[in-house]
Amino acid sequence: MVVPKILIVEQDGRAARALESAIAELGYAVELVPAPLARETHSVAKGETQLAVMRVPPNDGGVMRAAQDLRARWGIPVLLIAADGVDELGPGLTARNIPRLAEPFTGRELRCAIELALSSFDAVRTIHALEDRFFWTSIDMLCFLDFSGYFKRLNPSWERTLGWTREELMSRPFIEFVHPDDRERTLAQNARVRAGGQALAFENRYLCKDGSFRWFKWNAAPDSAEQVIYSVARDVTEHKQAEEERERLVVELQDALAEVRTLQEILPICSYCKNIRDDANYWHSVEGYISQHTNARFSHSICPSCYASEVLPQFDAIDDPR
């Protein structure tokens, strides 16, 4: 049976020795390290340690940073022990759900706290492993964007889509990769999310390493406690291009229909007999064409001009038989 190794991070030598004795009596292996955690302890922390116990003395602001360092850098679960007289560990510690135990405590309470911290971290580690597999295999682009404007974490889809390495993308403010025409509204959307809102189906263009741009559609939500925005982006470039092509074809079709309507309004008429040609290339009299294509009915009369030029000369010829 492997005996769990407990790392005690404590600056107060007397308190450290008391913790060492109490934990050793429970059958755990113990390693003492002065607080704050020194970089040279990474060999201890990396391969062998299964839990770090950190005591929170009154008015100490460095414990949280040390606890975060252990958890984030080395993946070690942390148990916080509030020294006698410390009533609250502070909102920063409570928000991150770090297991804690208050002095004074019994050996049984210490064992329960240690076992709970170990089992809780194992469960969290399993969940994180599943999340990591999803993160790295996702087709969509997943990212953690710091409130400062820099990417903190990106999945490999970013490299496949844009051509930049993740290191290159994280080395510059994210807005530098956004199309200049989209930056103002992108920054406005980013500010709304940081203020507690969400980005739903937000679209903008991102710069590829070859100089081209690709359209992204975003969904994003903030984590104010961690000062980070969790985002999912989907490459919709082909969809946008298809939309533009469809709109172009619709405009061309509308123009063609308008031209056809214009042509239909032009009636070919004979310069001599004044007959009209229909769409089937047949010729009709004006009366016949209009009767066929409208509900109009004809009555016959004589206009003043024709009366003067046509009818009166006929009357004159009757009166003057010569």
Protein backbone atom coordinates (compact mmCIF):
# COMPACT_ATOMS: atom_id res chain seq x y z
CA MET A 1 0.00 0.00 0.00
CA VAL A 2 1.38 3.41 -1.03
CA VAL A 3 1.46 5.89 1.83
CA PRO A 4 0.27 9.36 0.72
CA LYS A 5 2.95 12.03 1.01
CA ILE A 6 1.85 15.30 2.62
CA LEU A 7 3.71 18.54 1.91
CA ILE A 8 3.50 21.04 4.78
CA VAL A 9 4.03 24.62 3.59
CA GLU A 10 4.54 26.71 6.72
CA GLN A 11 6.85 29.59 7.63
CA ASP A 12 6.41 29.28 11.40
CA GLY A 13 8.79 26.51 12.44
CA ARG A 14 6.95 25.73 15.66
CA ALA A 15 3.58 25.46 13.91
CA ALA A 16 5.19 23.41 11.13
CA ARG A 17 6.62 20.90 13.59
CA ALA A 18 3.26 20.59 15.37
CA LEU A 19 1.54 19.88 12.04
CA GLU A 20 4.26 17.43 11.05
CA SER A 21 3.82 15.50 14.26
CA ALA A 22 0.02 15.43 14.03
CA ILE A 23 0.03 14.26 10.37
CA ALA A 24 2.81 11.69 10.91
CA GLU A 25 0.82 10.14 13.78
CA LEU A 26 -1.96 9.46 11.25
CA GLY A 27 0.46 7.35 9.17
CA TYR A 28 1.20 9.78 6.34
CA ALA A 29 4.67 10.60 5.00
CA VAL A 30 5.50 14.26 5.61
CA GLU A 31 7.74 16.85 3.89
CA LEU A 32 8.31 20.34 5.34
CA VAL A 33 8.76 23.35 3.03
CA PRO A 34 9.03 26.99 4.17
CA ALA A 35 6.29 29.32 2.92
CA PRO A 36 6.03 30.90 0.45
CA LEU A 37 6.67 27.89 -1.77
CA ALA A 38 10.16 28.12 -3.28
CA ARG A 39 10.78 27.20 -6.91
CA GLU A 40 13.43 24.67 -5.93
CA THR A 41 10.75 22.50 -4.29
CA HIS A 42 9.27 21.56 -7.67
CA SER A 43 11.05 18.19 -7.66
CA VAL A 44 9.27 17.33 -4.40
CA ALA A 45 5.95 18.71 -5.56
CA LYS A 46 5.92 17.26 -9.04
CA GLY A 47 6.23 13.54 -8.66
CA GLU A 48 5.62 12.44 -5.10
CA THR A 49 3.36 14.82 -3.19
CA GLN A 50 -0.34 13.98 -3.02
CA LEU A 51 -1.50 16.84 -0.80
CA ALA A 52 -0.19 20.17 0.46
CA VAL A 53 -1.27 21.44 3.87
CA MET A 54 -1.02 25.19 4.30
CA ARG A 55 -1.72 27.04 7.54
CA VAL A 56 -3.32 30.49 7.29
CA PRO A 57 -1.97 32.77 10.04
CA PRO A 58 -3.74 36.04 10.90
CA ASN A 59 -3.22 38.92 8.43
CA ASP A 60 -1.45 36.78 5.82
CA GLY A 61 -2.03 37.70 2.17
CA GLY A 62 0.45 35.35 0.53
CA VAL A 63 -1.19 32.01 1.26
CA MET A 64 -3.67 32.24 -1.59
CA ARG A 65 -0.92 32.87 -4.14
CA ALA A 66 1.05 29.90 -2.82
CA ALA A 67 -2.05 27.68 -2.88
CA GLN A 68 -2.83 28.73 -6.46
CA ASP A 69 0.76 28.06 -7.45
CA LEU A 70 0.62 24.53 -6.06
CA ARG A 71 -2.69 23.74 -7.71
CA ALA A 72 -2.07 25.42 -11.08
CA ARG A 73 1.62 24.69 -11.61
CA TRP A 74 2.00 21.27 -10.04
CA GLY A 75 -1.58 19.96 -9.87
CA ILE A 76 -1.43 19.32 -6.13
CA PRO A 77 -4.58 19.48 -3.96
CA VAL A 78 -4.43 21.90 -1.04
CA LEU A 79 -5.87 21.75 2.48
CA LEU A 80 -5.97 25.11 4.28
CA ILE A 81 -5.81 25.23 8.05
CA ALA A 82 -7.09 28.42 9.64
CA ALA A 83 -4.92 29.30 12.62
CA ASP A 84 -6.57 29.79 15.98
CA GLY A 85 -8.12 33.26 15.87
CA VAL A 86 -8.73 33.31 12.09
CA ASP A 87 -12.49 33.30 11.64
CA GLU A 88 -12.67 33.79 7.87
CA LEU A 89 -10.28 32.70 5.15
CA GLY A 90 -11.46 35.46 2.83
CA PRO A 91 -13.73 35.48 -0.25
CA GLY A 92 -10.86 34.55 -2.59
CA LEU A 93 -10.23 31.30 -0.76
CA THR A 94 -13.86 30.41 -0.26
CA ALA A 95 -14.78 31.07 -3.90
CA ARG A 96 -12.34 28.48 -5.13
CA ASN A 97 -13.74 25.76 -2.86
CA ILE A 98 -10.39 24.87 -1.29
CA PRO A 99 -10.94 22.40 1.60
CA ARG A 100 -10.19 23.93 4.99
CA LEU A 101 -9.95 23.05 8.67
CA ALA A 102 -9.91 25.40 11.66
CA GLU A 103 -7.66 25.15 14.71
CA PRO A 104 -7.94 23.59 17.19
CA PHE A 105 -8.81 20.19 15.75
CA THR A 106 -8.62 16.55 16.76
CA GLY A 107 -6.62 13.86 14.97
CA ARG A 108 -9.84 12.39 13.64
CA GLU A 109 -10.92 15.75 12.21
CA LEU A 110 -7.49 16.16 10.61
CA ARG A 111 -7.66 12.70 9.00
CA CYS A 112 -11.19 13.37 7.68
CA ALA A 113 -10.09 16.71 6.23
CA ILE A 114 -7.03 15.13 4.55
CA GLU A 115 -9.01 12.24 3.05
CA LEU A 116 -11.76 14.59 1.89
CA ALA A 117 -9.21 16.86 0.19
CA LEU A 118 -7.56 13.89 -1.53
CA SER A 119 -10.82 12.35 -2.74
CA SER A 120 -12.27 15.69 -3.84
CA PHE A 121 -9.18 16.50 -5.85
CA ASP A 122 -9.18 13.07 -7.47
CA ALA A 123 -12.76 13.65 -8.61
CA VAL A 124 -11.93 17.11 -9.90
CA ARG A 125 -8.83 15.78 -11.67
CA THR A 126 -10.95 13.12 -13.42
CA ILE A 127 -13.44 15.75 -14.55
CA HIS A 128 -10.64 18.01 -15.75
CA ALA A 129 -9.13 15.12 -17.72
CA LEU A 130 -12.44 14.64 -19.52
CA GLU A 131 -12.73 18.39 -20.11
CA ASP A 132 -9.20 18.48 -21.48
CA ARG A 133 -9.95 15.69 -23.95
CA PHE A 134 -13.02 17.58 -25.13
CA PHE A 135 -11.01 20.81 -25.30
CA TRP A 136 -8.22 19.36 -27.41
CA THR A 137 -10.40 17.35 -29.79
CA SER A 138 -13.11 19.97 -30.42
CA ILE A 139 -13.62 21.03 -34.04
CA ASP A 140 -14.79 24.47 -32.91
CA MET A 141 -12.30 26.97 -31.55
CA LEU A 142 -12.36 27.12 -27.75
CA CYS A 143 -10.55 29.75 -25.75
CA PHE A 144 -10.10 31.39 -22.36
CA LEU A 145 -9.72 35.15 -22.83
CA ASP A 146 -8.31 37.10 -19.91
CA PHE A 147 -10.06 40.33 -18.94
CA SER A 148 -6.76 42.05 -19.79
CA GLY A 149 -7.33 41.20 -23.47
CA TYR A 150 -4.91 38.28 -23.92
CA PHE A 151 -5.74 34.68 -24.71
CA LYS A 152 -4.91 32.42 -21.75
CA ARG A 153 -5.71 29.09 -23.37
CA LEU A 154 -6.51 27.96 -26.92
CA ASN A 155 -7.26 24.57 -28.40
CA PRO A 156 -5.51 23.24 -31.54
CA SER A 157 -8.39 24.25 -33.84
CA TRP A 158 -7.04 27.80 -33.75
CA GLU A 159 -3.79 26.72 -35.34
CA ARG A 160 -5.58 24.69 -38.02
CA THR A 161 -7.93 27.54 -38.86
CA LEU A 162 -5.70 30.62 -38.77
CA GLY A 163 -2.23 29.23 -39.31
CA TRP A 164 -0.77 31.01 -36.26
CA THR A 165 0.70 28.95 -33.44
CA ARG A 166 -1.05 29.18 -30.10
CA GLU A 167 2.05 30.85 -28.68
CA GLU A 168 1.83 33.56 -31.36
CA LEU A 169 -1.86 34.12 -30.68
CA MET A 170 -1.31 34.39 -26.93
CA SER A 171 1.66 36.74 -27.25
CA ARG A 172 -0.38 39.71 -28.51
CA PRO A 173 -3.68 41.36 -27.49
CA PHE A 174 -6.52 39.48 -29.17
CA ILE A 175 -7.86 42.64 -30.82
CA GLU A 176 -4.75 42.83 -33.04
CA PHE A 177 -5.99 39.73 -34.87
CA VAL A 178 -9.46 41.20 -35.52
CA HIS A 179 -10.22 42.86 -38.86
CA PRO A 180 -9.79 46.66 -38.51
CA ASP A 181 -13.40 47.27 -39.63
CA ASP A 182 -14.69 44.94 -36.88
CA ARG A 183 -12.57 46.15 -33.96
CA GLU A 184 -14.82 48.87 -32.60
CA ARG A 185 -17.91 46.68 -32.28
CA THR A 186 -15.76 43.73 -31.07
CA LEU A 187 -14.35 45.82 -28.22
CA ALA A 188 -17.86 47.03 -27.37
CA GLN A 189 -19.11 43.42 -27.25
CA ASN A 190 -16.10 42.39 -25.13
CA ALA A 191 -16.89 45.16 -22.64
CA ARG A 192 -20.51 44.01 -22.35
CA VAL A 193 -19.39 40.44 -21.63
CA ARG A 194 -16.85 41.56 -19.02
CA ALA A 195 -19.65 43.52 -17.37
CA GLY A 196 -21.64 40.30 -16.96
CA GLY A 197 -23.41 39.95 -20.31
CA GLN A 198 -23.11 37.27 -22.98
CA ALA A 199 -22.11 37.15 -26.62
CA LEU A 200 -24.62 35.16 -28.66
CA ALA A 201 -23.94 34.51 -32.36
CA PHE A 202 -21.61 37.52 -32.53
CA GLU A 203 -19.70 37.65 -35.83
CA ASN A 204 -16.36 39.19 -36.74
CA ARG A 205 -13.32 38.51 -38.92
CA TYR A 206 -9.94 37.18 -37.77
CA LEU A 207 -6.58 37.53 -39.48
CA CYS A 208 -4.90 34.41 -40.88
CA LYS A 209 -1.15 34.12 -41.01
CA ASP A 210 -1.28 34.27 -44.83
CA GLY A 211 -2.96 37.70 -44.67
CA SER A 212 -6.50 36.56 -45.44
CA PHE A 213 -9.44 36.87 -43.06
CA ARG A 214 -11.97 34.31 -41.87
CA TRP A 215 -15.42 34.90 -40.39
CA PHE A 216 -16.06 33.62 -36.84
CA LYS A 217 -19.38 33.28 -35.01
CA TRP A 218 -18.98 33.57 -31.23
CA ASN A 219 -20.80 32.49 -28.08
CA ALA A 220 -19.15 33.70 -24.88
CA ALA A 221 -19.80 34.11 -21.15
CA PRO A 222 -17.70 35.65 -18.35
CA ASP A 223 -16.28 34.20 -15.14
CA SER A 224 -15.85 37.29 -12.99
CA ALA A 225 -14.18 35.40 -10.14
CA GLU A 226 -11.41 34.17 -12.44
CA GLN A 227 -11.38 37.36 -14.57
CA VAL A 228 -11.73 35.34 -17.76
CA ILE A 229 -14.18 34.92 -20.64
CA TYR A 230 -14.98 31.41 -21.85
CA SER A 231 -15.70 31.40 -25.58
CA VAL A 232 -16.62 29.11 -28.44
CA ALA A 233 -15.98 30.30 -31.99
CA ARG A 234 -17.08 28.59 -35.19
CA ASP A 235 -15.54 29.25 -38.59
CA VAL A 236 -18.46 30.38 -40.81
CA THR A 237 -16.40 31.72 -43.72
CA GLU A 238 -17.80 29.28 -46.29
CA HIS A 239 -21.33 29.98 -45.05
CA LYS A 240 -20.79 33.75 -45.38
CA GLN A 241 -19.36 33.31 -48.88
CA ALA A 242 -22.36 31.16 -49.86
CA GLU A 243 -24.69 33.87 -48.50
CA GLU A 244 -22.89 36.55 -50.51
CA GLU A 245 -23.07 34.41 -53.66
CA ARG A 246 -26.76 33.77 -53.08
CA GLU A 247 -27.42 37.49 -52.61
CA ARG A 248 -25.47 38.25 -55.80
CA LEU A 249 -27.55 35.72 -57.77
CA VAL A 250 -30.79 37.13 -56.34
CA VAL A 251 -29.78 40.64 -57.44
CA GLU A 252 -28.88 39.36 -60.92
CA LEU A 253 -32.22 37.54 -61.17
CA GLN A 254 -34.13 40.61 -60.03
CA ASP A 255 -32.31 42.71 -62.64
CA ALA A 256 -33.07 40.12 -65.32
CA LEU A 257 -36.78 40.05 -64.39
CA ALA A 258 -36.93 43.83 -64.46
CA GLU A 259 -35.36 43.79 -67.92
CA VAL A 260 -37.88 41.20 -69.14
CA ARG A 261 -40.75 43.32 -67.83
CA THR A 262 -39.34 46.32 -69.63
CA LEU A 263 -39.06 44.36 -72.88
CA GLN A 264 -42.60 43.09 -72.48
CA GLU A 265 -43.85 46.67 -72.32
CA ILE A 266 -42.36 47.46 -75.76
CA LEU A 267 -44.82 46.54 -78.58
CA PRO A 268 -43.29 45.88 -82.02
CA ILE A 269 -45.53 47.75 -84.54
CA CYS A 270 -45.25 47.82 -88.33
CA SER A 271 -44.10 51.15 -89.67
CA TYR A 272 -46.48 50.90 -92.62
CA CYS A 273 -49.67 49.02 -91.72
CA LYS A 274 -49.38 49.61 -87.98
CA ASN A 275 -50.06 45.95 -87.13
CA ILE A 276 -48.61 44.66 -83.83
CA ARG A 277 -46.39 41.56 -83.41
CA ASP A 278 -47.08 39.28 -80.46
CA ASP A 279 -44.64 37.06 -78.48
CA ALA A 280 -45.32 34.13 -80.83
CA ASN A 281 -44.25 36.29 -83.80
CA TYR A 282 -47.79 36.67 -85.22
CA TRP A 283 -49.04 40.03 -86.50
CA HIS A 284 -52.36 41.48 -85.41
CA SER A 285 -54.29 44.63 -86.06
CA VAL A 286 -54.26 47.12 -83.24
CA GLU A 287 -57.89 46.35 -82.52
CA GLY A 288 -57.30 42.62 -82.55
CA TYR A 289 -54.22 42.80 -80.28
CA ILE A 290 -55.86 45.02 -77.72
CA SER A 291 -59.05 42.94 -77.73
CA GLN A 292 -56.97 39.80 -77.14
CA HIS A 293 -54.87 41.18 -74.29
CA THR A 294 -57.37 43.44 -72.51
CA ASN A 295 -61.06 43.67 -71.69
CA ALA A 296 -61.46 46.82 -73.77
CA ARG A 297 -64.32 47.07 -76.33
CA PHE A 298 -64.18 49.32 -79.36
CA SER A 299 -66.65 51.91 -80.70
CA HIS A 300 -65.82 53.77 -83.90
CA SER A 301 -65.77 57.49 -84.40
CA ILE A 302 -63.79 60.09 -86.37
CA CYS A 303 -61.28 62.42 -84.81
CA PRO A 304 -61.28 66.09 -85.87
CA SER A 305 -58.03 65.73 -87.73
CA CYS A 306 -59.21 62.80 -89.81
CA TYR A 307 -62.56 64.51 -90.35
CA ALA A 308 -60.73 67.48 -91.86
CA SER A 309 -58.27 65.48 -93.93
CA GLU A 310 -60.40 62.53 -94.98
CA VAL A 311 -64.14 63.17 -94.70
CA LEU A 312 -64.48 66.76 -95.87
CA PRO A 313 -62.57 66.18 -99.12
CA GLN A 314 -65.06 63.40 -99.91
CA PHE A 315 -68.03 65.76 -99.35
CA ASP A 316 -66.36 68.38 -101.52
CA ALA A 317 -65.93 65.81 -104.31
CA ILE A 318 -69.68 65.07 -104.18
CA ASP A 319 -70.56 68.76 -104.42
CA ASP A 320 -68.14 69.31 -107.26
CA PRO A 321 -68.52 66.35 -109.66
CA ARG A 322 -65.79 67.64 -111.89
